[in-house]
Protein backbone atom coordinates (compact mmCIF):
# COMPACT_ATOMS: atom_id res chain seq x y z
CA UNK A 1 0.25 0.29 -0.27
CA UNK A 2 1.46 3.50 -0.89
CA UNK A 3 2.26 5.97 1.73
CA UNK A 4 -0.79 8.29 0.23
CA UNK A 5 -3.17 6.25 0.83
CA UNK A 6 -2.51 5.95 5.00
CA UNK A 7 -2.46 9.25 4.88
CA UNK A 8 -5.85 9.38 2.94
CA UNK A 9 -7.25 6.68 5.62
CA UNK A 10 -5.98 9.31 8.47
CA UNK A 11 -7.90 12.27 7.10
CA UNK A 12 -11.09 10.37 6.61
CA UNK A 13 -10.63 9.13 10.23
CA UNK A 14 -10.11 12.81 11.58
CA UNK A 15 -12.86 14.28 9.34
CA UNK A 16 -15.49 11.46 10.79
CA UNK A 17 -14.14 12.26 14.36
CA UNK A 18 -14.36 15.96 14.01
CA UNK A 19 -18.13 15.60 12.04
CA UNK A 20 -19.36 13.55 15.11
CA UNK A 21 -17.99 16.00 17.33
CA UNK A 22 -20.02 18.92 15.61
CA UNK A 23 -23.08 16.63 15.67
CA UNK A 24 -22.97 16.01 19.21
CA UNK A 25 -21.97 19.87 19.94
CA UNK A 26 -24.96 20.65 18.22
CA UNK A 27 -27.12 18.17 20.23
CA UNK A 28 -25.85 19.60 23.60
CA UNK A 29 -26.49 23.09 22.35
CA UNK A 30 -29.88 22.14 21.60
CA UNK A 31 -31.08 20.00 24.88
CA UNK A 32 -29.43 23.12 26.83
CA UNK A 33 -31.45 25.68 24.81
CA UNK A 34 -34.42 23.60 25.82
CA UNK A 35 -33.45 23.15 29.56
CA UNK A 36 -32.86 27.22 29.93
CA UNK A 37 -36.58 27.63 27.82
CA UNK A 38 -38.38 25.26 30.87
CA UNK A 39 -36.28 26.95 33.17
CA UNK A 40 -37.48 29.98 32.16
CA UNK A 41 -41.07 29.61 31.86
CA UNK A 42 -40.79 27.43 35.28
CA UNK A 43 -39.36 31.09 36.70
CA UNK A 44 -42.46 33.13 35.02
CA UNK A 45 -45.01 30.78 36.51
CA UNK A 46 -43.40 30.89 40.05
CA UNK A 47 -42.94 34.41 39.54
CA UNK A 48 -46.22 35.46 39.47
CA UNK A 49 -46.92 33.52 42.80
CA UNK A 50 -47.00 36.47 45.35
CA UNK A 51 -45.61 36.25 48.87
CA UNK A 52 -47.54 33.82 51.57
CA UNK A 53 -49.86 35.79 53.22
CA UNK A 54 -50.25 34.71 56.91
CA UNK A 55 -53.87 35.36 58.39
CA UNK A 56 -54.65 38.11 60.89
CA UNK A 57 -56.47 35.54 63.38
CA UNK A 58 -53.32 34.06 63.48
CA UNK A 59 -52.34 33.30 67.26
CA UNK A 60 -48.88 35.16 68.55
CA UNK A 61 -47.84 32.32 70.39
CA UNK A 62 -47.86 30.14 66.97
CA UNK A 63 -44.59 30.84 64.95
CA UNK A 64 -45.35 31.84 61.47
CA UNK A 65 -44.67 28.61 58.92
CA UNK A 66 -40.73 28.61 58.18
CA UNK A 67 -39.66 29.90 61.28
CA UNK A 68 -38.22 26.82 62.52
CA UNK A 69 -35.35 27.16 60.47
CA UNK A 70 -34.13 30.32 62.93
CA UNK A 71 -35.53 28.73 65.75
CA UNK A 72 -32.99 27.43 68.64
CA UNK A 73 -32.36 23.63 68.57
CA UNK A 74 -33.55 22.86 72.38
CA UNK A 75 -36.96 24.86 71.23
CA UNK A 76 -37.68 22.82 68.27
CA UNK A 77 -36.38 19.72 70.03
CA UNK A 78 -39.04 20.60 72.88
CA UNK A 79 -41.95 21.26 70.26
CA UNK A 80 -41.07 18.04 68.90
CA UNK A 81 -40.97 15.78 71.73
CA UNK A 82 -44.21 17.46 73.31
CA UNK A 83 -46.04 16.67 70.13
CA UNK A 84 -44.60 13.06 70.03
CA UNK A 85 -45.96 12.70 73.38
CA UNK A 86 -49.37 14.10 72.84
CA UNK A 87 -50.02 11.69 69.51
CA UNK A 88 -48.72 9.15 71.66
CA UNK A 89 -51.34 9.89 74.67
CA UNK A 90 -54.06 10.27 71.54
CA UNK A 91 -52.98 6.74 70.29
CA UNK A 92 -53.43 4.99 73.63
CA UNK A 93 -56.94 6.69 74.11
CA UNK A 94 -58.32 5.48 71.27
CA UNK A 95 -57.01 1.85 71.80
CA UNK A 96 -58.57 2.28 75.56
CA UNK A 97 -62.12 3.61 73.68
CA UNK A 98 -62.13 1.12 71.18
CA UNK A 99 -61.11 -1.94 73.30
CA UNK A 100 -63.87 -0.76 76.34
CA UNK A 101 -66.27 -0.57 72.90
CA UNK A 102 -65.63 -4.08 71.94
CA UNK A 103 -65.50 -5.19 75.62
CA UNK A 104 -61.81 -6.36 75.56
CA UNK A 105 -59.69 -6.51 78.66
CA UNK A 106 -57.37 -3.46 78.94
CA UNK A 107 -53.54 -3.97 79.15
CA UNK A 108 -51.99 -2.71 82.45
CA UNK A 109 -50.07 -0.22 80.50
CA UNK A 110 -53.20 1.53 78.46
CA UNK A 111 -54.79 2.09 81.76
CA UNK A 112 -54.34 5.74 83.39
CA UNK A 113 -53.66 5.45 87.24
CA UNK A 114 -53.49 9.31 87.73
């Protein structure tokens, strides 16, 4: 095989690889522009949403939504534990009532001795 045929093969390979990279770049550019268009539409949609209004009859002792981010960790831990024990007590009362309605014997741990 003469030497110039090797050069032609390499030129063809380089040309095909450049064509591949150009097509890949065009495809990535189009996908990027579609993503930017979608993000712009989402931004326009969210831009029309006004700020969240707090009702006037809100309890001043109750913090507004999102205030937990700036609250102290000890206060948040206390609130979490209080709501957890409240939910546990409500479940216990419902269980006691359900067993009472069905005439089933109560568990010793479910009875309130206070």
